[in-house]
Amino acid sequence: MKQIKQQSQSLSLTPWATNLILAVLVFFISGASAQQQAGVMTSAAPSTPPKAPASVAAAPAQPAAHAAATPVEQSGALPATKPGVEGIKMHGHWEITVKNPDGTVAQHRDFENSIQGGGAAYLIALMAGYTVPSDYEIFLQSAGTAPCTPPGSLQGCVIVRSLTTSPGTNSCPNYYCASTLSYTYNLNYSVLASNSMVLSGYFTANRAGTIDSVSTYAGSCPTAFIQSSVLANTSPAACNAAAGGIGVSALTGTSVSSIAVSNGQLVQVVVTISFS
């Protein structure tokens, strides 16, 4: 019993020794804890900085402000035009059909022509009252030999309404004439494009030749309406029946690719004059 007591006494510590032991234990525990925390921090924070996300690194550069498409470029639409800038157009649509003696079609031409200077003056004179209209004629001219024998040396074929009134009396002494011209008028106050004048006629070629240019002519009274500033005092009926003394102006016309015509073939012509 004594020995046990002595052992128990040897294990008992004084207060200052106890405090010393506790201080040492706290030091070692604190050091171990600090090292563990340092290791955690080292693994969580690598020495190299992280790469930026791919979406950020691959972001495209913004286009320059001046390169942006305009509204017209985006929509593909053309800028609107101002109303009325197209003006008024006069059309002369031609159809020339060449037929063989058996009635079969040898060739057919379809084309447009232009208003001539005399035609523009004629229309202004009509609106101003300086002239009144007479008859019309269709003129087919050749650069070489016309497909119709003229009374003189002028190469051309003329289609008129009458051989005894103007403009037939003006043209037929110099050119071959066929009195087969007819014309119709289409009037419509509501629809501009429905207004037209159609001249039509035909002739039979009495020799081989070519047609290289075409024209329509308009007769009028008095003769020199372009220079006149006096109102016309002749009625359209009297002017239409006159045998002479009238003006003849080229209304429309154009050159064409040469149309070859053989002797005996029928040449039919239709000219439609309209506005839009």
Protein backbone atom coordinates (compact mmCIF):
# COMPACT_ATOMS: atom_id res chain seq x y z
CA MET A 1 0.00 0.00 0.00
CA LYS A 2 2.80 2.30 0.73
CA GLN A 3 4.34 1.68 -2.65
CA ILE A 4 1.16 2.48 -4.46
CA LYS A 5 0.76 5.68 -2.61
CA GLN A 6 4.28 6.62 -3.41
CA GLN A 7 3.63 6.05 -7.13
CA SER A 8 0.52 8.14 -6.92
CA GLN A 9 2.44 10.87 -5.32
CA SER A 10 5.13 10.77 -8.01
CA LEU A 11 2.46 11.29 -10.74
CA SER A 12 0.86 14.33 -9.16
CA LEU A 13 2.05 17.65 -10.73
CA THR A 14 2.39 21.07 -9.39
CA PRO A 15 0.29 23.85 -11.00
CA TRP A 16 3.20 25.46 -12.79
CA ALA A 17 4.25 22.14 -14.34
CA THR A 18 0.71 21.52 -15.51
CA ASN A 19 0.59 24.90 -17.20
CA LEU A 20 3.91 24.24 -18.92
CA ILE A 21 2.75 20.94 -20.33
CA LEU A 22 -0.51 22.50 -21.60
CA ALA A 23 1.43 25.28 -23.29
CA VAL A 24 3.66 22.79 -25.10
CA LEU A 25 0.68 20.75 -26.26
CA VAL A 26 -1.12 23.86 -27.53
CA PHE A 27 2.01 24.91 -29.44
CA PHE A 28 2.34 21.57 -31.23
CA ILE A 29 -1.37 21.33 -31.95
CA SER A 30 -1.44 24.87 -33.31
CA GLY A 31 1.57 24.20 -35.52
CA ALA A 32 0.07 21.05 -36.95
CA SER A 33 -3.22 22.80 -37.61
CA ALA A 34 -1.43 25.69 -39.35
CA GLN A 35 0.52 23.30 -41.59
CA GLN A 36 -2.70 21.46 -42.53
CA GLN A 37 -4.46 24.70 -43.40
CA ALA A 38 -1.46 25.81 -45.45
CA GLY A 39 -1.59 22.57 -47.42
CA VAL A 40 -5.28 23.01 -48.16
CA MET A 41 -4.71 26.56 -49.32
CA THR A 42 -1.84 25.49 -51.58
CA SER A 43 -3.94 22.83 -53.33
CA ALA A 44 -6.90 25.23 -53.76
CA ALA A 45 -4.81 28.05 -55.19
CA PRO A 46 -2.52 26.86 -58.04
CA SER A 47 0.58 28.82 -58.88
CA THR A 48 -0.60 29.65 -62.49
CA PRO A 49 -3.67 31.86 -63.08
CA PRO A 50 -6.75 30.08 -64.56
CA LYS A 51 -7.54 30.42 -68.27
CA ALA A 52 -10.49 32.52 -69.30
CA PRO A 53 -13.59 30.61 -70.49
CA ALA A 54 -13.53 29.73 -74.19
CA SER A 55 -16.64 31.79 -74.87
CA VAL A 56 -14.93 34.90 -73.61
CA ALA A 57 -11.63 34.25 -75.38
CA ALA A 58 -13.39 33.59 -78.73
CA ALA A 59 -15.72 36.61 -78.66
CA PRO A 60 -15.65 38.31 -82.14
CA ALA A 61 -14.63 41.90 -82.59
CA GLN A 62 -17.47 44.38 -82.95
CA PRO A 63 -17.89 45.77 -86.50
CA ALA A 64 -17.12 49.38 -87.18
CA ALA A 65 -20.08 51.72 -86.96
CA HIS A 66 -19.76 52.91 -90.58
CA ALA A 67 -19.90 49.35 -91.91
CA ALA A 68 -23.50 48.80 -90.81
CA ALA A 69 -25.95 48.18 -93.67
CA THR A 70 -28.42 50.89 -94.51
CA PRO A 71 -32.17 50.11 -94.41
CA VAL A 72 -32.21 49.90 -98.22
CA GLU A 73 -29.37 47.37 -98.22
CA GLN A 74 -31.03 45.29 -95.53
CA SER A 75 -34.41 45.12 -97.21
CA GLY A 76 -33.15 44.93 -100.78
CA ALA A 77 -35.72 47.53 -101.82
CA LEU A 78 -34.95 50.43 -104.13
CA PRO A 79 -35.57 54.00 -103.01
CA ALA A 80 -39.05 55.16 -103.83
CA THR A 81 -39.32 57.34 -106.91
CA LYS A 82 -41.21 60.57 -106.89
CA PRO A 83 -44.69 60.31 -108.38
CA GLY A 84 -45.06 61.72 -111.89
CA VAL A 85 -41.39 61.52 -112.90
CA GLU A 86 -42.09 58.91 -115.59
CA GLY A 87 -43.92 61.45 -117.78
CA ILE A 88 -46.29 60.68 -120.66
CA LYS A 89 -45.13 58.16 -123.23
CA MET A 90 -46.31 57.79 -126.81
CA HIS A 91 -46.04 54.33 -128.32
CA GLY A 92 -46.02 53.24 -131.97
CA HIS A 93 -46.31 49.47 -132.14
CA TRP A 94 -45.74 47.92 -135.57
CA GLU A 95 -46.62 44.52 -136.97
CA ILE A 96 -45.44 43.62 -140.47
CA THR A 97 -46.49 40.27 -141.89
CA VAL A 98 -45.21 38.98 -145.22
CA LYS A 99 -47.37 36.26 -146.78
CA ASN A 100 -46.81 33.97 -149.72
CA PRO A 101 -49.36 33.86 -152.57
CA ASP A 102 -50.86 30.70 -151.03
CA GLY A 103 -51.58 32.56 -147.76
CA THR A 104 -48.80 31.03 -145.65
CA VAL A 105 -46.74 33.39 -143.50
CA ALA A 106 -43.21 33.89 -144.80
CA GLN A 107 -42.14 36.14 -141.91
CA HIS A 108 -43.55 38.33 -139.18
CA ARG A 109 -41.98 41.36 -137.48
CA ASP A 110 -43.15 43.01 -134.27
CA PHE A 111 -41.41 46.18 -132.99
CA GLU A 112 -41.75 49.67 -131.56
CA ASN A 113 -40.91 53.03 -133.12
CA SER A 114 -40.32 56.60 -131.87
CA ILE A 115 -42.14 59.87 -132.27
CA GLN A 116 -40.46 62.20 -134.77
CA GLY A 117 -39.80 65.93 -134.47
CA GLY A 118 -42.55 66.74 -136.97
CA GLY A 119 -44.92 64.50 -135.02
CA ALA A 120 -44.29 66.38 -131.78
CA ALA A 121 -44.86 69.73 -133.55
CA TYR A 122 -48.03 68.31 -135.12
CA LEU A 123 -49.47 67.32 -131.74
CA ILE A 124 -48.64 70.71 -130.18
CA ALA A 125 -50.20 72.50 -133.16
CA LEU A 126 -53.36 70.42 -132.76
CA MET A 127 -53.61 71.32 -129.07
CA ALA A 128 -52.93 74.99 -129.79
CA GLY A 129 -55.55 75.12 -132.58
CA TYR A 130 -52.99 76.12 -135.24
CA THR A 131 -53.86 73.14 -137.41
CA VAL A 132 -56.57 70.57 -138.06
CA PRO A 133 -55.94 66.94 -139.03
CA SER A 134 -56.21 65.46 -142.48
CA ASP A 135 -55.50 61.88 -143.56
CA TYR A 136 -52.60 59.61 -142.66
CA GLU A 137 -50.22 57.37 -144.56
CA ILE A 138 -47.86 54.48 -143.89
CA PHE A 139 -44.47 54.75 -145.55
CA LEU A 140 -42.10 51.79 -146.04
CA GLN A 141 -38.71 52.77 -147.40
CA SER A 142 -35.76 50.77 -148.72
CA ALA A 143 -32.06 51.49 -148.46
CA GLY A 144 -31.64 49.67 -151.77
CA THR A 145 -34.49 48.43 -153.94
CA ALA A 146 -38.04 48.67 -152.65
CA PRO A 147 -40.41 45.70 -153.26
CA CYS A 148 -42.68 47.94 -155.32
CA THR A 149 -41.95 49.75 -158.59
CA PRO A 150 -42.14 53.56 -158.13
CA PRO A 151 -43.27 55.99 -160.81
CA GLY A 152 -39.93 57.76 -160.37
CA SER A 153 -36.57 56.93 -158.85
CA LEU A 154 -37.55 57.13 -155.14
CA GLN A 155 -37.49 53.80 -153.35
CA GLY A 156 -40.49 53.40 -151.10
CA CYS A 157 -43.97 51.90 -150.79
CA VAL A 158 -46.81 54.11 -149.49
CA ILE A 159 -50.17 53.00 -148.12
CA VAL A 160 -52.84 55.73 -148.25
CA ARG A 161 -56.61 55.93 -147.97
CA SER A 162 -57.11 57.75 -151.26
CA LEU A 163 -55.06 58.46 -154.36
CA THR A 164 -57.01 61.63 -155.13
CA THR A 165 -56.84 63.42 -151.77
CA SER A 166 -53.95 64.47 -149.58
CA PRO A 167 -51.59 63.14 -148.48
CA GLY A 168 -51.97 60.69 -151.39
CA THR A 169 -51.72 63.51 -153.92
CA ASN A 170 -48.48 64.60 -152.24
CA SER A 171 -46.74 61.22 -152.12
CA CYS A 172 -48.06 59.11 -154.98
CA PRO A 173 -46.45 61.08 -157.83
CA ASN A 174 -43.07 60.06 -156.37
CA TYR A 175 -43.66 56.70 -154.69
CA TYR A 176 -45.62 53.55 -155.38
CA CYS A 177 -48.99 53.85 -153.59
CA ALA A 178 -51.62 51.35 -152.50
CA SER A 179 -54.99 52.83 -151.49
CA THR A 180 -55.78 50.22 -148.82
CA LEU A 181 -55.34 52.28 -145.65
CA SER A 182 -57.98 52.09 -142.96
CA TYR A 183 -57.91 53.33 -139.39
CA THR A 184 -59.91 52.99 -136.23
CA TYR A 185 -59.97 54.98 -133.00
CA ASN A 186 -60.39 53.63 -129.49
CA LEU A 187 -61.39 56.26 -126.93
CA ASN A 188 -61.65 55.74 -123.18
CA TYR A 189 -61.72 58.67 -120.77
CA SER A 190 -61.18 56.42 -117.73
CA VAL A 191 -58.25 54.25 -118.85
CA LEU A 192 -55.25 56.00 -120.44
CA ALA A 193 -53.76 52.88 -122.05
CA SER A 194 -57.09 52.06 -123.74
CA ASN A 195 -56.86 55.11 -126.00
CA SER A 196 -55.32 54.30 -129.36
CA MET A 197 -55.40 54.86 -133.09
CA VAL A 198 -54.82 51.85 -135.33
CA LEU A 199 -53.61 52.30 -138.92
CA SER A 200 -53.64 49.23 -141.15
CA GLY A 201 -53.16 48.46 -144.82
CA TYR A 202 -51.40 46.21 -147.30
CA PHE A 203 -49.82 46.01 -150.74
CA THR A 204 -48.61 43.26 -153.08
CA ALA A 205 -44.95 43.37 -154.04
CA ASN A 206 -44.43 43.62 -157.81
CA ARG A 207 -40.71 42.92 -157.53
CA ALA A 208 -38.15 41.63 -155.04
CA GLY A 209 -36.81 44.18 -152.60
CA THR A 210 -36.26 45.11 -148.96
CA ILE A 211 -37.90 47.24 -146.29
CA ASP A 212 -35.31 49.02 -144.11
CA SER A 213 -37.21 51.86 -142.41
CA VAL A 214 -40.83 52.66 -141.60
CA SER A 215 -42.80 55.82 -140.84
CA THR A 216 -46.30 57.13 -140.34
CA TYR A 217 -47.19 60.54 -141.75
CA ALA A 218 -49.97 62.92 -140.78
CA GLY A 219 -51.58 65.45 -143.09
CA SER A 220 -52.85 68.77 -141.75
CA CYS A 221 -54.21 72.18 -142.73
CA PRO A 222 -52.86 74.81 -143.17
CA THR A 223 -49.56 73.84 -144.75
CA ALA A 224 -47.07 75.68 -142.51
CA PHE A 225 -48.64 75.16 -139.09
CA ILE A 226 -45.28 75.03 -137.26
CA GLN A 227 -44.47 78.65 -138.16
CA SER A 228 -48.04 79.87 -137.82
CA SER A 229 -49.49 81.66 -134.81
CA VAL A 230 -52.94 82.05 -136.37
CA LEU A 231 -55.77 79.68 -135.50
CA ALA A 232 -56.73 77.28 -138.28
CA ASN A 233 -59.94 78.23 -140.07
CA THR A 234 -60.39 75.03 -142.09
CA SER A 235 -62.65 72.25 -140.89
CA PRO A 236 -61.24 68.72 -140.52
CA ALA A 237 -63.74 67.48 -143.13
CA ALA A 238 -62.60 70.07 -145.67
CA CYS A 239 -58.95 69.38 -144.93
CA ASN A 240 -59.49 65.65 -145.27
CA ALA A 241 -61.14 66.09 -148.68
CA ALA A 242 -58.53 68.53 -150.02
CA ALA A 243 -56.62 67.45 -153.08
CA GLY A 244 -53.55 69.49 -152.11
CA GLY A 245 -52.25 72.44 -150.19
CA ILE A 246 -51.82 70.61 -146.88
CA GLY A 247 -48.85 69.93 -144.66
CA VAL A 248 -47.46 66.42 -144.25
CA SER A 249 -45.38 65.62 -141.18
CA ALA A 250 -43.54 62.47 -140.09
CA LEU A 251 -45.45 61.36 -137.02
CA THR A 252 -43.53 58.24 -135.95
CA GLY A 253 -40.74 56.17 -137.44
CA THR A 254 -37.72 53.90 -136.99
CA SER A 255 -35.12 51.85 -138.84
CA VAL A 256 -35.56 48.07 -138.89
CA SER A 257 -33.47 45.03 -139.68
CA SER A 258 -33.88 44.51 -143.40
CA ILE A 259 -37.09 42.70 -144.34
CA ALA A 260 -36.68 40.79 -147.62
CA VAL A 261 -39.79 40.60 -149.79
CA SER A 262 -40.19 38.52 -152.94
CA ASN A 263 -42.20 39.39 -156.01
CA GLY A 264 -45.86 38.47 -155.53
CA GLN A 265 -45.80 38.37 -151.73
CA LEU A 266 -48.42 40.25 -149.72
CA VAL A 267 -47.15 42.78 -147.14
CA GLN A 268 -49.61 43.56 -144.34
CA VAL A 269 -48.94 46.41 -141.89
CA VAL A 270 -50.67 47.32 -138.62
CA VAL A 271 -49.54 50.35 -136.59
CA THR A 272 -51.06 51.02 -133.15
CA ILE A 273 -50.39 54.45 -131.67
CA SER A 274 -51.16 54.74 -127.96
CA PHE A 275 -50.15 56.53 -124.76
CA SER A 276 -49.15 55.53 -121.23
